[in-house]
Amino acid sequence: MKRFFALLALALLLALCAASALADGFASGTTVYVSNPDPTDRLNLRAAPRQDAVSLGKYYNGTPVYVLDAPESGYVHVCISGDSPEGYMDARYLSETYVEPAFPSLTVRNGSGTGVNLRQSPSATAQILATYPNGTRLSVMGVRDDGYLHITHEGYNAYVLASLLTPALSFHKTDDPPASTQTTGPFVQVSLPNLAVVSNPNPLDRLNLRGAPSGDGVVLGKYLNGAIVTLLEDAGNGWFFVSISGKQGYMQGSYLERGGNPVQSAMLSVSVAEATALYETESAKAKQLASLPRGTTITAMGVGANGWCHAVVGGVTGFVLVDKLESDYGLTTIRSTEPSPSSSLHRRKNPPAAKPARLCDGGIFNA
């Protein structure tokens, strides 16, 4: 009888553990699958765990997704098949059980050439993994808004130019499910010749503000798409001496929109976790521009190398300590230096055995 009760207690314990694991959601290090109720729908991979964040691509049912972190606010931090890109997906549209792929099959049709290149990342300068002739059929996992498709073919997880495949797939789809509807963020546009807007091709990338006009210059800060900079001087070799609300340094001109074209903002809305102040400079001894009670929402333009967030609050620009903010989207370890054509977020074709680093230095997506 004692053994019976012991076994019963063990069974109850295991059941509770299983229930707890289920409640916790997807475990990091596991593979799940995109699973929309309508197989023709696509699920957004977003730059942050919220519905209004920039979409990095829309993925069809059956796309294998590698879990980096357990769900946060209903979103799971993932990367696609253990490869780039990484972002966040709505947990409601992911399944731990295998989902039959609903990948469209497109035909290579290069009217001015003989075929198409499969590239490591969505860039005209990225490593070529393979080349396939006209007439080849390729399976599309995801559609991006930069002219590239994320495909799978003969073991490759790669990118191809959408214009070289037929029929055309649209990024914007009016009948997307509510949780995966593409929601465009605010656009930032400047017309004065002495102003520019940070514009990385990949919204997850951050542009370095450096202490010298060189990739070796000390990093003074890292800024998100949509941050407005004042051009003070052309430093040559593609670099500009700039000012961002009084903070000066050098930025690569190739990642600054100077033509007046609109740039979709990737700046972050972050809540204050502990009452603090907005300071004029990166020092707690500096002039206080505003008091920030707990719960105040700030707009993060970027982050400094010394633990300060460069922020906008009620139209006032200043600095707030990152550790006074809610933990949010990697503000303490903003990811990139200047984007590099040859670098990639993840170079593995298969999911790693151990959990990968959350954020990697070096941007991608330059074409």
Protein backbone atom coordinates (compact mmCIF):
# COMPACT_ATOMS: atom_id res chain seq x y z
CA MET A 1 0.00 0.00 0.00
CA LYS A 2 2.85 2.39 0.84
CA ARG A 3 4.38 1.67 -2.55
CA PHE A 4 1.05 2.43 -4.22
CA PHE A 5 0.83 5.84 -2.53
CA ALA A 6 4.46 6.55 -3.35
CA LEU A 7 3.82 5.80 -7.02
CA LEU A 8 0.68 7.92 -6.93
CA ALA A 9 2.58 10.82 -5.40
CA LEU A 10 5.29 10.47 -8.06
CA ALA A 11 2.66 10.46 -10.80
CA LEU A 12 1.07 13.60 -9.38
CA LEU A 13 4.47 15.29 -9.15
CA LEU A 14 5.26 14.45 -12.77
CA ALA A 15 1.86 15.74 -13.83
CA LEU A 16 2.44 18.99 -11.97
CA CYS A 17 5.88 19.36 -13.57
CA ALA A 18 4.41 18.74 -17.01
CA ALA A 19 1.66 21.28 -16.36
CA SER A 20 4.24 23.79 -15.15
CA ALA A 21 6.39 23.23 -18.23
CA LEU A 22 3.33 23.70 -20.41
CA ALA A 23 2.42 26.89 -18.57
CA ASP A 24 5.90 28.24 -19.06
CA GLY A 25 5.49 27.89 -22.83
CA PHE A 26 8.13 26.88 -25.34
CA ALA A 27 11.49 25.92 -23.91
CA SER A 28 14.65 27.59 -25.19
CA GLY A 29 16.74 25.36 -27.42
CA THR A 30 13.74 23.62 -28.98
CA THR A 31 12.36 23.77 -32.51
CA VAL A 32 8.74 24.76 -33.15
CA TYR A 33 6.78 25.36 -36.34
CA VAL A 34 4.75 28.23 -37.77
CA SER A 35 1.09 27.21 -37.56
CA ASN A 36 -1.52 29.69 -38.77
CA PRO A 37 -5.14 28.49 -38.83
CA ASP A 38 -5.23 29.45 -42.52
CA PRO A 39 -2.25 27.87 -44.35
CA THR A 40 -2.19 30.77 -46.82
CA ASP A 41 -1.47 33.25 -44.01
CA ARG A 42 2.06 34.26 -43.00
CA LEU A 43 3.35 34.91 -39.50
CA ASN A 44 5.41 38.03 -38.85
CA LEU A 45 8.93 37.82 -37.47
CA ARG A 46 9.11 41.10 -35.58
CA ALA A 47 12.00 43.23 -34.35
CA ALA A 48 10.54 43.38 -30.83
CA PRO A 49 7.94 41.39 -28.86
CA ARG A 50 4.95 43.53 -29.69
CA GLN A 51 2.44 43.75 -32.52
CA ASP A 52 3.44 47.20 -33.77
CA ALA A 53 7.15 46.35 -34.09
CA VAL A 54 8.84 46.36 -37.48
CA SER A 55 8.30 43.15 -39.47
CA LEU A 56 11.51 41.43 -40.59
CA GLY A 57 9.63 38.92 -42.71
CA LYS A 58 6.42 36.91 -43.00
CA TYR A 59 6.71 33.13 -42.76
CA TYR A 60 4.48 30.34 -44.05
CA ASN A 61 3.13 27.37 -42.14
CA GLY A 62 5.69 24.67 -41.52
CA THR A 63 8.67 27.01 -41.21
CA PRO A 64 10.94 25.52 -38.50
CA VAL A 65 11.70 28.07 -35.82
CA TYR A 66 14.46 27.74 -33.21
CA VAL A 67 13.46 29.06 -29.77
CA LEU A 68 16.05 31.35 -28.16
CA ASP A 69 13.99 32.40 -25.15
CA ALA A 70 10.70 31.49 -23.51
CA PRO A 71 7.65 33.66 -24.34
CA GLU A 72 7.59 37.27 -23.21
CA SER A 73 4.25 39.09 -23.33
CA GLY A 74 2.94 36.41 -25.66
CA TYR A 75 5.91 36.54 -28.02
CA VAL A 76 8.77 34.06 -28.42
CA HIS A 77 12.36 35.13 -29.18
CA VAL A 78 13.37 32.96 -32.13
CA CYS A 79 15.61 32.54 -35.13
CA ILE A 80 14.67 30.74 -38.31
CA SER A 81 16.06 27.20 -38.38
CA GLY A 82 18.93 28.29 -36.16
CA ASP A 83 20.03 30.71 -38.86
CA SER A 84 19.50 34.43 -39.39
CA PRO A 85 17.42 36.40 -38.90
CA GLU A 86 16.33 36.44 -35.28
CA GLY A 87 13.31 38.24 -33.90
CA TYR A 88 10.00 37.63 -32.16
CA MET A 89 6.91 35.64 -33.16
CA ASP A 90 3.42 35.47 -31.67
CA ALA A 91 3.35 32.28 -29.56
CA ARG A 92 -0.28 31.60 -30.51
CA TYR A 93 0.78 30.79 -34.04
CA LEU A 94 3.63 28.41 -33.21
CA SER A 95 3.31 24.66 -32.64
CA GLU A 96 5.60 22.17 -30.91
CA THR A 97 4.30 19.42 -33.18
CA TYR A 98 5.31 19.16 -36.83
CA VAL A 99 3.25 21.28 -39.22
CA GLU A 100 2.93 20.38 -42.90
CA PRO A 101 4.75 23.07 -44.92
CA ALA A 102 2.61 25.43 -46.95
CA PHE A 103 5.59 26.87 -48.83
CA PRO A 104 4.77 28.37 -52.25
CA SER A 105 6.84 26.85 -55.06
CA LEU A 106 8.26 29.50 -57.36
CA THR A 107 10.18 29.15 -60.62
CA VAL A 108 13.53 30.83 -61.33
CA ARG A 109 13.05 33.16 -64.28
CA ASN A 110 15.94 35.56 -64.86
CA GLY A 111 15.18 37.45 -68.06
CA SER A 112 18.65 38.98 -68.25
CA GLY A 113 20.67 36.03 -66.99
CA THR A 114 20.86 32.28 -66.71
CA GLY A 115 19.69 31.73 -63.15
CA VAL A 116 19.70 32.89 -59.55
CA ASN A 117 22.18 32.97 -56.66
CA LEU A 118 21.29 31.58 -53.25
CA ARG A 119 22.92 33.89 -50.70
CA GLN A 120 23.86 33.58 -47.04
CA SER A 121 21.96 36.75 -46.17
CA PRO A 122 19.64 39.15 -48.05
CA SER A 123 22.37 41.23 -49.61
CA ALA A 124 23.86 41.55 -53.09
CA THR A 125 27.30 41.26 -51.49
CA ALA A 126 26.54 38.28 -49.26
CA GLN A 127 28.25 34.92 -49.72
CA ILE A 128 26.85 32.85 -52.60
CA LEU A 129 25.91 29.38 -51.34
CA ALA A 130 24.77 27.97 -54.68
CA THR A 131 23.54 28.97 -58.13
CA TYR A 132 20.52 27.45 -59.87
CA PRO A 133 19.46 27.79 -63.53
CA ASN A 134 16.24 29.18 -64.93
CA GLY A 135 13.39 26.76 -64.51
CA THR A 136 14.46 25.56 -61.05
CA ARG A 137 11.60 25.37 -58.55
CA LEU A 138 12.35 26.88 -55.11
CA SER A 139 10.25 26.62 -51.94
CA VAL A 140 9.61 29.93 -50.18
CA MET A 141 9.53 29.94 -46.36
CA GLY A 142 9.19 33.67 -45.94
CA VAL A 143 8.63 36.98 -47.72
CA ARG A 144 10.59 40.10 -46.83
CA ASP A 145 9.95 43.76 -47.56
CA ASP A 146 13.42 44.43 -49.02
CA GLY A 147 13.08 42.54 -52.30
CA TYR A 148 14.37 39.19 -50.99
CA LEU A 149 12.69 35.86 -50.31
CA HIS A 150 13.77 33.40 -47.61
CA ILE A 151 13.85 30.00 -49.31
CA THR A 152 14.70 26.38 -48.58
CA HIS A 153 16.11 24.15 -51.30
CA GLU A 154 18.22 20.98 -51.25
CA GLY A 155 19.28 21.60 -47.64
CA TYR A 156 19.97 25.30 -48.13
CA ASN A 157 18.33 27.94 -45.93
CA ALA A 158 19.06 30.98 -48.06
CA TYR A 159 17.91 34.20 -49.70
CA VAL A 160 17.14 35.03 -53.31
CA LEU A 161 16.00 38.14 -55.15
CA ALA A 162 12.22 38.03 -55.43
CA SER A 163 12.34 39.71 -58.86
CA LEU A 164 14.07 36.63 -60.31
CA LEU A 165 11.28 34.22 -59.31
CA THR A 166 7.74 33.83 -60.57
CA PRO A 167 4.90 34.18 -59.71
CA ALA A 168 5.39 37.28 -57.55
CA LEU A 169 4.55 37.13 -53.85
CA SER A 170 3.26 40.20 -52.06
CA PHE A 171 4.66 41.22 -48.70
CA HIS A 172 1.51 43.09 -47.71
CA LYS A 173 -1.51 40.84 -47.45
CA THR A 174 -4.90 42.25 -46.56
CA ASP A 175 -6.23 39.02 -45.04
CA ASP A 176 -3.40 38.36 -42.59
CA PRO A 177 -4.63 37.05 -39.22
CA PRO A 178 -5.04 39.88 -36.68
CA ALA A 179 -1.97 38.89 -34.63
CA SER A 180 0.30 38.81 -37.66
CA THR A 181 -0.94 41.83 -39.59
CA GLN A 182 1.90 44.02 -40.83
CA THR A 183 1.64 47.21 -38.84
CA THR A 184 3.89 49.96 -40.10
CA GLY A 185 5.50 52.16 -37.52
CA PRO A 186 5.89 55.92 -37.80
CA PHE A 187 8.05 57.25 -40.60
CA VAL A 188 10.70 59.90 -40.08
CA GLN A 189 11.52 62.28 -42.89
CA VAL A 190 13.78 65.35 -43.05
CA SER A 191 14.25 67.79 -45.89
CA LEU A 192 16.92 70.19 -44.66
CA PRO A 193 20.36 69.57 -46.21
CA ASN A 194 22.12 69.53 -42.82
CA LEU A 195 19.89 66.78 -41.38
CA ALA A 196 19.87 63.01 -41.91
CA VAL A 197 18.07 59.97 -40.50
CA VAL A 198 19.70 56.73 -39.31
CA SER A 199 18.64 54.11 -41.85
CA ASN A 200 19.99 50.58 -41.46
CA PRO A 201 18.63 48.11 -44.05
CA ASN A 202 17.97 45.68 -41.19
CA PRO A 203 15.81 47.34 -38.48
CA LEU A 204 17.51 45.17 -35.83
CA ASP A 205 20.87 46.76 -36.60
CA ARG A 206 22.14 49.82 -34.75
CA LEU A 207 24.49 52.39 -36.22
CA ASN A 208 27.59 53.27 -34.25
CA LEU A 209 28.46 56.81 -33.30
CA ARG A 210 32.26 56.69 -33.12
CA GLY A 211 34.97 58.90 -31.70
CA ALA A 212 36.91 58.89 -34.98
CA PRO A 213 35.97 58.49 -38.68
CA SER A 214 37.02 54.84 -38.75
CA GLY A 215 35.62 51.41 -37.96
CA ASP A 216 38.29 51.27 -35.24
CA GLY A 217 37.08 54.44 -33.54
CA VAL A 218 35.77 54.10 -29.99
CA VAL A 219 32.01 53.54 -29.85
CA LEU A 220 30.22 56.47 -28.21
CA GLY A 221 26.72 55.19 -28.82
CA LYS A 222 24.55 52.99 -31.04
CA TYR A 223 21.44 54.39 -32.69
CA LEU A 224 18.26 52.91 -34.09
CA ASN A 225 16.50 53.64 -37.36
CA GLY A 226 14.63 56.92 -37.26
CA ALA A 227 17.09 58.81 -35.06
CA ILE A 228 17.72 62.26 -36.58
CA VAL A 229 21.28 63.54 -36.76
CA THR A 230 22.72 66.93 -37.68
CA LEU A 231 25.50 66.80 -40.27
CA LEU A 232 28.32 69.04 -39.08
CA GLU A 233 31.07 68.12 -41.52
CA ASP A 234 31.94 65.69 -44.30
CA ALA A 235 34.92 63.85 -42.78
CA GLY A 236 35.77 62.03 -46.02
CA ASN A 237 35.97 58.31 -46.82
CA GLY A 238 32.21 58.01 -46.41
CA TRP A 239 32.14 59.34 -42.83
CA PHE A 240 30.33 62.37 -41.40
CA PHE A 241 30.92 64.32 -38.24
CA VAL A 242 27.45 64.55 -36.69
CA SER A 243 25.54 65.72 -33.66
CA ILE A 244 22.60 63.89 -32.08
CA SER A 245 20.91 66.32 -29.74
CA GLY A 246 24.30 67.70 -28.74
CA LYS A 247 26.20 64.41 -28.59
CA GLN A 248 28.88 64.50 -31.28
CA GLY A 249 30.83 61.85 -33.15
CA TYR A 250 31.25 60.16 -36.51
CA MET A 251 28.83 57.98 -38.49
CA GLN A 252 29.06 56.14 -41.79
CA GLY A 253 27.19 58.11 -44.42
CA SER A 254 26.01 55.01 -46.25
CA TYR A 255 23.66 54.31 -43.32
CA LEU A 256 22.27 57.84 -43.14
CA GLU A 257 19.29 58.86 -45.26
CA ARG A 258 20.24 62.27 -46.65
CA GLY A 259 17.89 62.40 -49.64
CA GLY A 260 14.71 63.30 -47.79
CA ASN A 261 13.18 59.83 -48.18
CA PRO A 262 11.03 58.54 -45.30
CA VAL A 263 12.61 56.01 -42.92
CA GLN A 264 10.48 53.67 -40.84
CA SER A 265 11.38 54.23 -37.22
CA ALA A 266 12.68 51.33 -35.14
CA MET A 267 13.09 53.46 -32.02
CA LEU A 268 11.73 51.73 -28.92
CA SER A 269 9.01 52.69 -26.46
CA VAL A 270 10.28 51.70 -23.02
CA SER A 271 8.73 52.17 -19.58
CA VAL A 272 10.55 53.57 -16.55
CA ALA A 273 10.82 50.86 -13.89
CA GLU A 274 12.17 53.08 -11.12
CA ALA A 275 11.63 56.81 -10.66
CA THR A 276 14.51 58.74 -12.14
CA ALA A 277 15.29 61.84 -14.21
CA LEU A 278 16.06 62.81 -17.77
CA TYR A 279 19.54 64.37 -17.74
CA GLU A 280 21.08 66.86 -20.13
CA THR A 281 24.24 64.76 -20.54
CA GLU A 282 25.37 61.24 -19.63
CA SER A 283 25.97 62.02 -15.97
CA ALA A 284 23.83 61.86 -12.85
CA LYS A 285 25.42 65.20 -11.89
CA ALA A 286 24.16 66.87 -15.05
CA LYS A 287 21.19 69.21 -15.24
CA GLN A 288 17.85 67.43 -14.84
CA LEU A 289 15.56 68.20 -17.75
CA ALA A 290 12.52 66.29 -16.47
CA SER A 291 11.39 64.02 -13.67
CA LEU A 292 10.43 60.52 -14.80
CA PRO A 293 8.03 58.78 -12.41
CA ARG A 294 7.70 54.99 -12.53
CA GLY A 295 5.63 53.97 -15.55
CA THR A 296 6.67 56.93 -17.72
CA THR A 297 7.10 55.91 -21.35
CA ILE A 298 10.23 57.08 -23.13
CA THR A 299 11.32 56.75 -26.74
CA ALA A 300 14.78 55.21 -26.94
CA MET A 301 16.82 56.55 -29.86
CA GLY A 302 19.91 54.63 -28.91
CA VAL A 303 22.21 53.62 -26.11
CA GLY A 304 25.63 54.77 -25.00
CA ALA A 305 28.57 52.53 -24.26
CA ASN A 306 28.41 53.60 -20.59
CA GLY A 307 24.91 52.49 -19.59
CA TRP A 308 22.91 55.54 -20.62
CA CYS A 309 19.94 55.54 -22.97
CA HIS A 310 19.59 58.49 -25.35
CA ALA A 311 15.88 59.18 -25.15
CA VAL A 312 13.01 61.51 -26.02
CA VAL A 313 10.34 62.26 -23.42
CA GLY A 314 7.50 64.64 -24.22
CA GLY A 315 9.53 66.26 -26.98
CA VAL A 316 12.56 66.77 -24.71
CA THR A 317 15.76 64.92 -25.60
CA GLY A 318 18.21 63.75 -22.97
CA PHE A 319 19.70 60.77 -21.19
CA VAL A 320 18.34 58.23 -18.72
CA LEU A 321 20.15 55.36 -17.04
CA VAL A 322 19.30 52.04 -18.67
CA ASP A 323 19.14 50.26 -15.32
CA LYS A 324 16.22 52.53 -14.35
CA LEU A 325 14.22 51.15 -17.28
CA GLU A 326 12.29 47.95 -17.65
CA SER A 327 14.41 45.21 -19.23
CA ASP A 328 13.50 45.73 -22.84
CA TYR A 329 14.80 44.43 -26.17
CA GLY A 330 18.53 44.45 -25.47
CA LEU A 331 19.07 48.12 -24.65
CA THR A 332 22.03 47.16 -22.47
CA THR A 333 23.74 45.27 -25.27
CA ILE A 334 22.66 46.94 -28.50
CA ARG A 335 23.81 44.61 -31.19
CA SER A 336 25.70 46.03 -34.12
CA THR A 337 28.67 48.04 -35.19
CA GLU A 338 28.50 49.47 -38.69
CA PRO A 339 26.68 46.89 -40.83
CA SER A 340 29.15 44.71 -42.70
CA PRO A 341 28.30 43.06 -46.03
CA SER A 342 30.19 39.90 -45.13
CA SER A 343 28.92 39.41 -41.61
CA SER A 344 25.85 37.49 -40.50
CA LEU A 345 23.78 37.19 -37.38
CA HIS A 346 24.17 33.41 -37.33
CA ARG A 347 26.30 31.41 -39.74
CA ARG A 348 25.03 27.99 -38.65
CA LYS A 349 22.78 26.02 -40.97
CA ASN A 350 21.63 23.83 -38.07
CA PRO A 351 20.46 24.84 -34.58
CA PRO A 352 23.34 24.91 -32.09
CA ALA A 353 23.47 22.44 -29.25
CA ALA A 354 23.72 25.23 -26.71
CA LYS A 355 21.70 28.40 -26.50
CA PRO A 356 23.26 31.01 -28.82
CA ALA A 357 24.16 34.51 -27.76
CA ARG A 358 21.14 36.78 -27.74
CA LEU A 359 22.83 39.59 -29.57
CA CYS A 360 25.71 39.53 -32.00
CA ASP A 361 28.06 42.28 -33.11
CA GLY A 362 28.05 42.98 -36.83
CA GLY A 363 25.10 43.88 -39.03
CA ILE A 364 23.78 42.37 -42.21
CA PHE A 365 21.32 43.12 -44.96
CA ASN A 366 23.14 45.86 -46.87
CA ALA A 367 21.51 45.52 -50.28
